Amino acid sequence: MGNVEAEKLTSIEHIPLCSPAYSNRFDGFPDMASLSRATLLHMTDTSEWAAWLRLVDEPEDLACRGIIFSDMNLVYSAALAGQGIAMGDDFVCAEAIESGLLVRPFQKALPTEGAYYLVHSRESAPTPVRDAFVGWLKLALHGR
């Protein structure tokens, strides 16, 4: 990593997300009891849901059910199709949330150690195109 510079652009939080139609099936998830009847959508394992349940002081064993996918695109596709409720990346899903394709039935977010970074070679000279792109990217990230 001695030859590159990394600038943190944004941190990542995980949030419960589902389609509006799925949320309506549970009357908008008015309480945690409604979550216990929902299908949880998982990426690789149940650890993100287990961590979120700990965060909201609910039994961790509620996470041990649902559907486990091997690819995040499949998790998001299932959530968009109304097949369950997923733990999503707030940054990746921002456009789907803003457009109403996905909703946040619970507002509590799970902080993570993950982040998105802008990485470039220390030896590359700044150019007007790169500077314009970096400026646009930062404005887009912080203006959302």
C-alpha atoms as a PDB file:
ATOM      1  CA  MET A   1       0.000   0.000   0.000  1.00  0.00           C
ATOM      2  CA  GLY A   2       3.022   2.318  -0.033  1.00  0.00           C
ATOM      3  CA  ASN A   3       2.391   3.310  -3.650  1.00  0.00           C
ATOM      4  CA  VAL A   4      -1.248   4.343  -3.221  1.00  0.00           C
ATOM      5  CA  GLU A   5      -3.270   6.916  -1.346  1.00  0.00           C
ATOM      6  CA  ALA A   6      -6.669   6.081   0.082  1.00  0.00           C
ATOM      7  CA  GLU A   7      -9.251   8.668   1.050  1.00  0.00           C
ATOM      8  CA  LYS A   8     -12.327   7.558   2.971  1.00  0.00           C
ATOM      9  CA  LEU A   9     -15.463   8.671   1.162  1.00  0.00           C
ATOM     10  CA  THR A  10     -18.212   7.274   3.354  1.00  0.00           C
ATOM     11  CA  SER A  11     -18.805   4.787   6.149  1.00  0.00           C
ATOM     12  CA  ILE A  12     -21.231   1.908   5.743  1.00  0.00           C
ATOM     13  CA  GLU A  13     -24.207   1.064   7.914  1.00  0.00           C
ATOM     14  CA  HIS A  14     -26.499  -1.913   7.471  1.00  0.00           C
ATOM     15  CA  ILE A  15     -30.226  -1.347   7.639  1.00  0.00           C
ATOM     16  CA  PRO A  16     -33.290  -3.581   7.335  1.00  0.00           C
ATOM     17  CA  LEU A  17     -34.891  -3.108   3.904  1.00  0.00           C
ATOM     18  CA  CYS A  18     -37.841  -4.568   2.043  1.00  0.00           C
ATOM     19  CA  SER A  19     -40.260  -3.701  -0.721  1.00  0.00           C
ATOM     20  CA  PRO A  20     -43.248  -1.504   0.155  1.00  0.00           C
ATOM     21  CA  ALA A  21     -45.560  -4.417  -0.728  1.00  0.00           C
ATOM     22  CA  TYR A  22     -43.741  -6.735   1.694  1.00  0.00           C
ATOM     23  CA  SER A  23     -43.861  -4.072   4.408  1.00  0.00           C
ATOM     24  CA  ASN A  24     -47.609  -3.700   3.852  1.00  0.00           C
ATOM     25  CA  ARG A  25     -48.093  -7.463   4.404  1.00  0.00           C
ATOM     26  CA  PHE A  26     -46.874  -6.827   7.975  1.00  0.00           C
ATOM     27  CA  ASP A  27     -48.732  -3.532   8.468  1.00  0.00           C
ATOM     28  CA  GLY A  28     -45.448  -1.635   8.176  1.00  0.00           C
ATOM     29  CA  PHE A  29     -43.682  -3.705  10.860  1.00  0.00           C
ATOM     30  CA  PRO A  30     -45.141  -1.781  13.816  1.00  0.00           C
ATOM     31  CA  ASP A  31     -43.116  -3.797  16.326  1.00  0.00           C
ATOM     32  CA  MET A  32     -40.470  -6.478  16.663  1.00  0.00           C
ATOM     33  CA  ALA A  33     -43.086  -9.206  16.984  1.00  0.00           C
ATOM     34  CA  SER A  34     -43.990  -8.606  13.346  1.00  0.00           C
ATOM     35  CA  LEU A  35     -40.359  -9.179  12.370  1.00  0.00           C
ATOM     36  CA  SER A  36     -40.472 -12.628  13.943  1.00  0.00           C
ATOM     37  CA  ARG A  37     -43.061 -13.636  11.304  1.00  0.00           C
ATOM     38  CA  ALA A  38     -41.110 -12.241   8.345  1.00  0.00           C
ATOM     39  CA  THR A  39     -38.693 -14.043   6.031  1.00  0.00           C
ATOM     40  CA  LEU A  40     -35.170 -12.791   6.675  1.00  0.00           C
ATOM     41  CA  LEU A  41     -32.868 -12.569   3.661  1.00  0.00           C
ATOM     42  CA  HIS A  42     -29.199 -13.216   4.418  1.00  0.00           C
ATOM     43  CA  MET A  43     -25.903 -12.758   2.600  1.00  0.00           C
ATOM     44  CA  THR A  44     -23.647 -15.817   3.164  1.00  0.00           C
ATOM     45  CA  ASP A  45     -24.649 -16.316   6.830  1.00  0.00           C
ATOM     46  CA  THR A  46     -26.908 -14.925   9.555  1.00  0.00           C
ATOM     47  CA  SER A  47     -24.303 -12.739  11.276  1.00  0.00           C
ATOM     48  CA  GLU A  48     -25.559  -9.317  10.105  1.00  0.00           C
ATOM     49  CA  TRP A  49     -29.098  -9.994  11.250  1.00  0.00           C
ATOM     50  CA  ALA A  50     -27.800 -11.437  14.528  1.00  0.00           C
ATOM     51  CA  ALA A  51     -25.742  -8.294  15.149  1.00  0.00           C
ATOM     52  CA  TRP A  52     -28.690  -6.018  14.332  1.00  0.00           C
ATOM     53  CA  LEU A  53     -30.978  -7.983  16.647  1.00  0.00           C
ATOM     54  CA  ARG A  54     -28.407  -7.613  19.458  1.00  0.00           C
ATOM     55  CA  LEU A  55     -28.331  -3.870  18.740  1.00  0.00           C
ATOM     56  CA  VAL A  56     -32.101  -3.585  19.220  1.00  0.00           C
ATOM     57  CA  ASP A  57     -32.123  -5.872  22.285  1.00  0.00           C
ATOM     58  CA  GLU A  58     -33.953  -8.720  20.597  1.00  0.00           C
ATOM     59  CA  PRO A  59     -33.081 -12.428  20.793  1.00  0.00           C
ATOM     60  CA  GLU A  60     -30.262 -13.249  18.423  1.00  0.00           C
ATOM     61  CA  ASP A  61     -31.778 -16.631  17.598  1.00  0.00           C
ATOM     62  CA  LEU A  62     -34.447 -14.850  15.509  1.00  0.00           C
ATOM     63  CA  ALA A  63     -31.722 -14.483  12.880  1.00  0.00           C
ATOM     64  CA  CYS A  64     -31.414 -18.249  12.440  1.00  0.00           C
ATOM     65  CA  ARG A  65     -34.183 -18.479   9.871  1.00  0.00           C
ATOM     66  CA  GLY A  66     -34.912 -17.252   6.402  1.00  0.00           C
ATOM     67  CA  ILE A  67     -33.039 -17.636   3.131  1.00  0.00           C
ATOM     68  CA  ILE A  68     -29.255 -17.502   2.759  1.00  0.00           C
ATOM     69  CA  PHE A  69     -27.865 -16.297  -0.571  1.00  0.00           C
ATOM     70  CA  SER A  70     -24.299 -16.445  -1.863  1.00  0.00           C
ATOM     71  CA  ASP A  71     -24.462 -13.150  -3.756  1.00  0.00           C
ATOM     72  CA  MET A  72     -25.592  -9.705  -2.579  1.00  0.00           C
ATOM     73  CA  ASN A  73     -27.320  -9.038  -5.908  1.00  0.00           C
ATOM     74  CA  LEU A  74     -29.564 -12.029  -5.229  1.00  0.00           C
ATOM     75  CA  VAL A  75     -30.394 -10.688  -1.753  1.00  0.00           C
ATOM     76  CA  TYR A  76     -31.360  -7.283  -3.180  1.00  0.00           C
ATOM     77  CA  SER A  77     -33.343  -8.889  -6.016  1.00  0.00           C
ATOM     78  CA  ALA A  78     -35.280 -10.984  -3.500  1.00  0.00           C
ATOM     79  CA  ALA A  79     -36.002  -7.909  -1.359  1.00  0.00           C
ATOM     80  CA  LEU A  80     -37.121  -5.912  -4.402  1.00  0.00           C
ATOM     81  CA  ALA A  81     -39.368  -8.803  -5.465  1.00  0.00           C
ATOM     82  CA  GLY A  82     -41.089  -8.845  -2.065  1.00  0.00           C
ATOM     83  CA  GLN A  83     -39.682 -12.180  -0.918  1.00  0.00           C
ATOM     84  CA  GLY A  84     -38.502 -10.963   2.482  1.00  0.00           C
ATOM     85  CA  ILE A  85     -36.580  -8.368   4.448  1.00  0.00           C
ATOM     86  CA  ALA A  86     -32.844  -7.921   3.891  1.00  0.00           C
ATOM     87  CA  MET A  87     -30.039  -6.319   5.815  1.00  0.00           C
ATOM     88  CA  GLY A  88     -28.773  -3.813   3.252  1.00  0.00           C
ATOM     89  CA  ASP A  89     -25.881  -1.444   2.773  1.00  0.00           C
ATOM     90  CA  ASP A  90     -27.251   2.093   3.207  1.00  0.00           C
ATOM     91  CA  PHE A  91     -24.934   3.454   0.509  1.00  0.00           C
ATOM     92  CA  VAL A  92     -25.564   0.807  -2.154  1.00  0.00           C
ATOM     93  CA  CYS A  93     -29.323   0.900  -1.553  1.00  0.00           C
ATOM     94  CA  ALA A  94     -29.691   4.696  -1.274  1.00  0.00           C
ATOM     95  CA  GLU A  95     -31.160   5.140  -4.758  1.00  0.00           C
ATOM     96  CA  ALA A  96     -33.686   2.307  -4.278  1.00  0.00           C
ATOM     97  CA  ILE A  97     -34.752   3.863  -0.960  1.00  0.00           C
ATOM     98  CA  GLU A  98     -35.029   7.374  -2.414  1.00  0.00           C
ATOM     99  CA  SER A  99     -37.080   6.101  -5.351  1.00  0.00           C
ATOM    100  CA  GLY A 100     -39.408   4.106  -3.089  1.00  0.00           C
ATOM    101  CA  LEU A 101     -38.440   0.668  -4.404  1.00  0.00           C
ATOM    102  CA  LEU A 102     -37.212  -0.278  -0.922  1.00  0.00           C
ATOM    103  CA  VAL A 103     -38.356   0.969   2.481  1.00  0.00           C
ATOM    104  CA  ARG A 104     -36.796   0.991   5.936  1.00  0.00           C
ATOM    105  CA  PRO A 105     -39.333  -0.624   8.259  1.00  0.00           C
ATOM    106  CA  PHE A 106     -36.993  -0.094  11.239  1.00  0.00           C
ATOM    107  CA  GLN A 107     -34.856   3.013  11.608  1.00  0.00           C
ATOM    108  CA  LYS A 108     -32.058   1.562  13.749  1.00  0.00           C
ATOM    109  CA  ALA A 109     -28.863   1.180  11.685  1.00  0.00           C
ATOM    110  CA  LEU A 110     -26.039  -1.255  12.378  1.00  0.00           C
ATOM    111  CA  PRO A 111     -22.676   0.546  12.176  1.00  0.00           C
ATOM    112  CA  THR A 112     -19.928  -1.434  10.479  1.00  0.00           C
ATOM    113  CA  GLU A 113     -16.195  -1.089  10.134  1.00  0.00           C
ATOM    114  CA  GLY A 114     -16.643  -1.072   6.364  1.00  0.00           C
ATOM    115  CA  ALA A 115     -16.286   2.011   4.211  1.00  0.00           C
ATOM    116  CA  TYR A 116     -15.865   3.090   0.618  1.00  0.00           C
ATOM    117  CA  TYR A 117     -12.554   4.657  -0.334  1.00  0.00           C
ATOM    118  CA  LEU A 118     -11.133   6.555  -3.257  1.00  0.00           C
ATOM    119  CA  VAL A 119      -7.777   4.952  -4.025  1.00  0.00           C
ATOM    120  CA  HIS A 120      -5.206   6.236  -6.482  1.00  0.00           C
ATOM    121  CA  SER A 121      -1.527   5.916  -7.196  1.00  0.00           C
ATOM    122  CA  ARG A 122       0.707   8.407  -5.412  1.00  0.00           C
ATOM    123  CA  GLU A 123       2.645   8.791  -8.641  1.00  0.00           C
ATOM    124  CA  SER A 124      -0.306   9.774 -10.824  1.00  0.00           C
ATOM    125  CA  ALA A 125      -0.440  13.473 -11.525  1.00  0.00           C
ATOM    126  CA  PRO A 126      -3.735  15.268 -10.954  1.00  0.00           C
ATOM    127  CA  THR A 127      -5.635  16.013 -14.143  1.00  0.00           C
ATOM    128  CA  PRO A 128      -8.659  18.254 -14.727  1.00  0.00           C
ATOM    129  CA  VAL A 129     -10.753  15.196 -15.622  1.00  0.00           C
ATOM    130  CA  ARG A 130      -9.749  13.317 -12.457  1.00  0.00           C
ATOM    131  CA  ASP A 131     -10.283  16.411 -10.303  1.00  0.00           C
ATOM    132  CA  ALA A 132     -13.732  16.958 -11.848  1.00  0.00           C
ATOM    133  CA  PHE A 133     -14.669  13.315 -11.291  1.00  0.00           C
ATOM    134  CA  VAL A 134     -13.478  13.355  -7.663  1.00  0.00           C
ATOM    135  CA  GLY A 135     -15.360  16.610  -7.041  1.00  0.00           C
ATOM    136  CA  TRP A 136     -18.540  15.169  -8.567  1.00  0.00           C
ATOM    137  CA  LEU A 137     -18.184  11.942  -6.582  1.00  0.00           C
ATOM    138  CA  LYS A 138     -17.747  13.746  -3.267  1.00  0.00           C
ATOM    139  CA  LEU A 139     -20.681  16.060  -3.998  1.00  0.00           C
ATOM    140  CA  ALA A 140     -22.870  13.093  -4.925  1.00  0.00           C
ATOM    141  CA  LEU A 141     -21.909  11.207  -1.757  1.00  0.00           C
ATOM    142  CA  HIS A 142     -22.342  14.051   0.661  1.00  0.00           C
ATOM    143  CA  GLY A 143     -25.365  15.564  -1.032  1.00  0.00           C
ATOM    144  CA  ARG A 144     -27.523  12.450  -0.688  1.00  0.00           C
END
